[in-house]
Amino acid sequence: MKMSKKAKKIIAISCLLVLITVAVPVTAYAAGDPLTVVNNLSDFIFGLIRAIGMILLGFAIVQIGLSLKSHDPSQRANGFLTLAGGVVITFAKEILILITGG
Protein backbone atom coordinates (compact mmCIF):
# COMPACT_ATOMS: atom_id res chain seq x y z
CA MET A 1 0.00 0.00 0.00
CA LYS A 2 1.62 3.19 -1.19
CA MET A 3 1.02 6.42 0.75
CA SER A 4 1.68 9.96 -0.31
CA LYS A 5 4.12 12.18 1.55
CA LYS A 6 1.25 14.22 2.92
CA ALA A 7 -0.41 11.12 4.44
CA LYS A 8 2.88 9.98 5.96
CA LYS A 9 3.38 13.44 7.46
CA ILE A 10 -0.13 13.46 8.96
CA ILE A 11 0.39 10.00 10.48
CA ALA A 12 3.78 11.02 11.89
CA ILE A 13 2.36 14.19 13.47
CA SER A 14 -0.58 12.22 14.93
CA CYS A 15 1.76 9.63 16.44
CA LEU A 16 3.95 12.39 17.86
CA LEU A 17 0.97 14.11 19.48
CA VAL A 18 -0.20 10.85 21.04
CA LEU A 19 3.30 10.13 22.32
CA ILE A 20 3.62 13.61 23.83
CA THR A 21 0.19 13.29 25.47
CA VAL A 22 1.12 9.96 27.04
CA ALA A 23 4.67 10.89 28.03
CA VAL A 24 4.02 14.25 29.73
CA PRO A 25 3.48 13.77 33.46
CA VAL A 26 0.37 15.33 34.97
CA THR A 27 0.18 16.36 38.60
CA ALA A 28 -2.72 14.68 40.38
CA TYR A 29 -4.06 16.19 43.57
CA ALA A 30 -5.60 13.66 45.92
CA ALA A 31 -8.62 14.34 48.07
CA GLY A 32 -8.23 14.73 51.80
CA ASP A 33 -9.54 11.28 52.72
CA PRO A 34 -7.63 8.33 51.19
CA LEU A 35 -10.71 6.10 51.42
CA THR A 36 -12.64 8.55 49.23
CA VAL A 37 -9.93 8.32 46.59
CA VAL A 38 -10.06 4.51 46.62
CA ASN A 39 -13.87 4.53 46.40
CA ASN A 40 -13.80 6.99 43.49
CA LEU A 41 -11.25 4.84 41.66
CA SER A 42 -13.34 1.74 42.32
CA ASP A 43 -16.46 3.45 40.98
CA PHE A 44 -14.56 4.56 37.87
CA ILE A 45 -13.17 1.08 37.17
CA PHE A 46 -16.55 -0.58 37.70
CA GLY A 47 -18.09 2.03 35.39
CA LEU A 48 -15.62 1.02 32.67
CA ILE A 49 -16.36 -2.65 33.27
CA ARG A 50 -20.11 -1.93 33.04
CA ALA A 51 -19.59 -0.12 29.72
CA ILE A 52 -17.70 -3.13 28.32
CA GLY A 53 -20.52 -5.40 29.51
CA MET A 54 -23.13 -3.24 27.78
CA ILE A 55 -21.14 -3.38 24.54
CA LEU A 56 -21.02 -7.18 24.84
CA LEU A 57 -24.76 -7.29 25.45
CA GLY A 58 -25.41 -5.27 22.31
CA PHE A 59 -23.10 -7.48 20.28
CA ALA A 60 -24.80 -10.61 21.65
CA ILE A 61 -28.25 -9.37 20.71
CA VAL A 62 -27.09 -8.67 17.15
CA GLN A 63 -25.41 -12.09 16.97
CA ILE A 64 -28.56 -13.88 18.19
CA GLY A 65 -30.69 -11.96 15.71
CA LEU A 66 -28.41 -12.86 12.82
CA SER A 67 -28.37 -16.51 13.87
CA LEU A 68 -32.16 -16.64 13.96
CA LYS A 69 -32.27 -15.21 10.47
CA SER A 70 -29.68 -17.61 9.05
CA HIS A 71 -30.80 -20.67 11.10
CA ASP A 72 -27.25 -21.25 12.38
CA PRO A 73 -27.31 -23.15 15.70
CA SER A 74 -23.61 -22.69 16.49
CA GLN A 75 -23.86 -18.93 16.03
CA ARG A 76 -26.98 -18.93 18.18
CA ALA A 77 -25.14 -20.80 20.95
CA ASN A 78 -22.25 -18.33 20.76
CA GLY A 79 -24.74 -15.47 20.91
CA PHE A 80 -26.38 -16.80 24.05
CA LEU A 81 -22.99 -17.43 25.68
CA THR A 82 -21.95 -13.87 24.83
CA LEU A 83 -25.25 -12.61 26.23
CA ALA A 84 -24.68 -14.48 29.51
CA GLY A 85 -21.11 -13.17 29.73
CA GLY A 86 -22.30 -9.62 29.05
CA VAL A 87 -24.88 -9.85 31.82
CA VAL A 88 -22.27 -11.13 34.28
CA ILE A 89 -19.79 -8.40 33.30
CA THR A 90 -22.45 -5.66 33.37
CA PHE A 91 -23.56 -6.57 36.88
CA ALA A 92 -20.10 -7.52 38.21
CA LYS A 93 -20.15 -4.95 41.03
CA GLU A 94 -23.57 -6.05 42.26
CA ILE A 95 -22.54 -9.71 42.08
CA LEU A 96 -19.39 -9.02 44.09
CA ILE A 97 -21.43 -7.12 46.70
CA LEU A 98 -23.83 -10.07 46.99
CA ILE A 99 -20.96 -12.56 47.32
CA THR A 100 -19.02 -10.57 49.92
CA GLY A 101 -22.14 -9.48 51.81
CA GLY A 102 -21.05 -5.90 52.05
C-alpha atoms as a PDB file:
ATOM      1  CA  MET A   1       0.000   0.000   0.000  1.00  0.00           C
ATOM      2  CA  LYS A   2       1.621   3.194  -1.192  1.00  0.00           C
ATOM      3  CA  MET A   3       1.015   6.423   0.746  1.00  0.00           C
ATOM      4  CA  SER A   4       1.683   9.963  -0.307  1.00  0.00           C
ATOM      5  CA  LYS A   5       4.121  12.177   1.551  1.00  0.00           C
ATOM      6  CA  LYS A   6       1.250  14.223   2.922  1.00  0.00           C
ATOM      7  CA  ALA A   7      -0.411  11.118   4.436  1.00  0.00           C
ATOM      8  CA  LYS A   8       2.885   9.981   5.963  1.00  0.00           C
ATOM      9  CA  LYS A   9       3.382  13.436   7.460  1.00  0.00           C
ATOM     10  CA  ILE A  10      -0.134  13.464   8.964  1.00  0.00           C
ATOM     11  CA  ILE A  11       0.392  10.003  10.480  1.00  0.00           C
ATOM     12  CA  ALA A  12       3.777  11.022  11.885  1.00  0.00           C
ATOM     13  CA  ILE A  13       2.356  14.186  13.468  1.00  0.00           C
ATOM     14  CA  SER A  14      -0.575  12.223  14.927  1.00  0.00           C
ATOM     15  CA  CYS A  15       1.763   9.631  16.440  1.00  0.00           C
ATOM     16  CA  LEU A  16       3.952  12.389  17.858  1.00  0.00           C
ATOM     17  CA  LEU A  17       0.966  14.108  19.480  1.00  0.00           C
ATOM     18  CA  VAL A  18      -0.203  10.846  21.039  1.00  0.00           C
ATOM     19  CA  LEU A  19       3.305  10.134  22.318  1.00  0.00           C
ATOM     20  CA  ILE A  20       3.616  13.612  23.835  1.00  0.00           C
ATOM     21  CA  THR A  21       0.191  13.289  25.468  1.00  0.00           C
ATOM     22  CA  VAL A  22       1.121   9.965  27.045  1.00  0.00           C
ATOM     23  CA  ALA A  23       4.673  10.894  28.034  1.00  0.00           C
ATOM     24  CA  VAL A  24       4.017  14.251  29.730  1.00  0.00           C
ATOM     25  CA  PRO A  25       3.483  13.770  33.464  1.00  0.00           C
ATOM     26  CA  VAL A  26       0.368  15.333  34.973  1.00  0.00           C
ATOM     27  CA  THR A  27       0.185  16.359  38.601  1.00  0.00           C
ATOM     28  CA  ALA A  28      -2.715  14.679  40.384  1.00  0.00           C
ATOM     29  CA  TYR A  29      -4.056  16.189  43.574  1.00  0.00           C
ATOM     30  CA  ALA A  30      -5.600  13.657  45.920  1.00  0.00           C
ATOM     31  CA  ALA A  31      -8.617  14.342  48.075  1.00  0.00           C
ATOM     32  CA  GLY A  32      -8.235  14.732  51.804  1.00  0.00           C
ATOM     33  CA  ASP A  33      -9.537  11.278  52.722  1.00  0.00           C
ATOM     34  CA  PRO A  34      -7.631   8.330  51.191  1.00  0.00           C
ATOM     35  CA  LEU A  35     -10.711   6.102  51.419  1.00  0.00           C
ATOM     36  CA  THR A  36     -12.636   8.548  49.232  1.00  0.00           C
ATOM     37  CA  VAL A  37      -9.929   8.318  46.590  1.00  0.00           C
ATOM     38  CA  VAL A  38     -10.061   4.510  46.622  1.00  0.00           C
ATOM     39  CA  ASN A  39     -13.869   4.532  46.398  1.00  0.00           C
ATOM     40  CA  ASN A  40     -13.800   6.989  43.488  1.00  0.00           C
ATOM     41  CA  LEU A  41     -11.254   4.839  41.659  1.00  0.00           C
ATOM     42  CA  SER A  42     -13.344   1.735  42.322  1.00  0.00           C
ATOM     43  CA  ASP A  43     -16.465   3.450  40.982  1.00  0.00           C
ATOM     44  CA  PHE A  44     -14.562   4.561  37.873  1.00  0.00           C
ATOM     45  CA  ILE A  45     -13.174   1.083  37.172  1.00  0.00           C
ATOM     46  CA  PHE A  46     -16.547  -0.581  37.696  1.00  0.00           C
ATOM     47  CA  GLY A  47     -18.087   2.034  35.387  1.00  0.00           C
ATOM     48  CA  LEU A  48     -15.624   1.024  32.672  1.00  0.00           C
ATOM     49  CA  ILE A  49     -16.365  -2.654  33.271  1.00  0.00           C
ATOM     50  CA  ARG A  50     -20.110  -1.927  33.044  1.00  0.00           C
ATOM     51  CA  ALA A  51     -19.587  -0.125  29.721  1.00  0.00           C
ATOM     52  CA  ILE A  52     -17.704  -3.132  28.323  1.00  0.00           C
ATOM     53  CA  GLY A  53     -20.519  -5.401  29.514  1.00  0.00           C
ATOM     54  CA  MET A  54     -23.130  -3.236  27.781  1.00  0.00           C
ATOM     55  CA  ILE A  55     -21.137  -3.384  24.541  1.00  0.00           C
ATOM     56  CA  LEU A  56     -21.020  -7.177  24.839  1.00  0.00           C
ATOM     57  CA  LEU A  57     -24.762  -7.290  25.455  1.00  0.00           C
ATOM     58  CA  GLY A  58     -25.412  -5.270  22.307  1.00  0.00           C
ATOM     59  CA  PHE A  59     -23.103  -7.483  20.276  1.00  0.00           C
ATOM     60  CA  ALA A  60     -24.798 -10.613  21.648  1.00  0.00           C
ATOM     61  CA  ILE A  61     -28.254  -9.369  20.707  1.00  0.00           C
ATOM     62  CA  VAL A  62     -27.090  -8.672  17.155  1.00  0.00           C
ATOM     63  CA  GLN A  63     -25.414 -12.092  16.973  1.00  0.00           C
ATOM     64  CA  ILE A  64     -28.562 -13.882  18.186  1.00  0.00           C
ATOM     65  CA  GLY A  65     -30.694 -11.962  15.713  1.00  0.00           C
ATOM     66  CA  LEU A  66     -28.413 -12.857  12.820  1.00  0.00           C
ATOM     67  CA  SER A  67     -28.366 -16.510  13.874  1.00  0.00           C
ATOM     68  CA  LEU A  68     -32.155 -16.635  13.962  1.00  0.00           C
ATOM     69  CA  LYS A  69     -32.273 -15.210  10.467  1.00  0.00           C
ATOM     70  CA  SER A  70     -29.676 -17.613   9.047  1.00  0.00           C
ATOM     71  CA  HIS A  71     -30.800 -20.672  11.104  1.00  0.00           C
ATOM     72  CA  ASP A  72     -27.248 -21.251  12.375  1.00  0.00           C
ATOM     73  CA  PRO A  73     -27.314 -23.149  15.697  1.00  0.00           C
ATOM     74  CA  SER A  74     -23.610 -22.689  16.494  1.00  0.00           C
ATOM     75  CA  GLN A  75     -23.856 -18.928  16.025  1.00  0.00           C
ATOM     76  CA  ARG A  76     -26.981 -18.931  18.184  1.00  0.00           C
ATOM     77  CA  ALA A  77     -25.136 -20.796  20.948  1.00  0.00           C
ATOM     78  CA  ASN A  78     -22.254 -18.333  20.761  1.00  0.00           C
ATOM     79  CA  GLY A  79     -24.738 -15.473  20.905  1.00  0.00           C
ATOM     80  CA  PHE A  80     -26.381 -16.804  24.053  1.00  0.00           C
ATOM     81  CA  LEU A  81     -22.988 -17.426  25.680  1.00  0.00           C
ATOM     82  CA  THR A  82     -21.947 -13.871  24.833  1.00  0.00           C
ATOM     83  CA  LEU A  83     -25.252 -12.613  26.227  1.00  0.00           C
ATOM     84  CA  ALA A  84     -24.676 -14.480  29.505  1.00  0.00           C
ATOM     85  CA  GLY A  85     -21.112 -13.166  29.734  1.00  0.00           C
ATOM     86  CA  GLY A  86     -22.301  -9.624  29.046  1.00  0.00           C
ATOM     87  CA  VAL A  87     -24.882  -9.853  31.820  1.00  0.00           C
ATOM     88  CA  VAL A  88     -22.272 -11.132  34.285  1.00  0.00           C
ATOM     89  CA  ILE A  89     -19.788  -8.398  33.299  1.00  0.00           C
ATOM     90  CA  THR A  90     -22.446  -5.659  33.371  1.00  0.00           C
ATOM     91  CA  PHE A  91     -23.560  -6.567  36.878  1.00  0.00           C
ATOM     92  CA  ALA A  92     -20.095  -7.516  38.215  1.00  0.00           C
ATOM     93  CA  LYS A  93     -20.154  -4.946  41.028  1.00  0.00           C
ATOM     94  CA  GLU A  94     -23.571  -6.048  42.263  1.00  0.00           C
ATOM     95  CA  ILE A  95     -22.543  -9.712  42.076  1.00  0.00           C
ATOM     96  CA  LEU A  96     -19.387  -9.016  44.092  1.00  0.00           C
ATOM     97  CA  ILE A  97     -21.430  -7.120  46.696  1.00  0.00           C
ATOM     98  CA  LEU A  98     -23.831 -10.075  46.986  1.00  0.00           C
ATOM     99  CA  ILE A  99     -20.964 -12.558  47.323  1.00  0.00           C
ATOM    100  CA  THR A 100     -19.024 -10.567  49.918  1.00  0.00           C
ATOM    101  CA  GLY A 101     -22.143  -9.484  51.812  1.00  0.00           C
ATOM    102  CA  GLY A 102     -21.052  -5.895  52.048  1.00  0.00           C
END
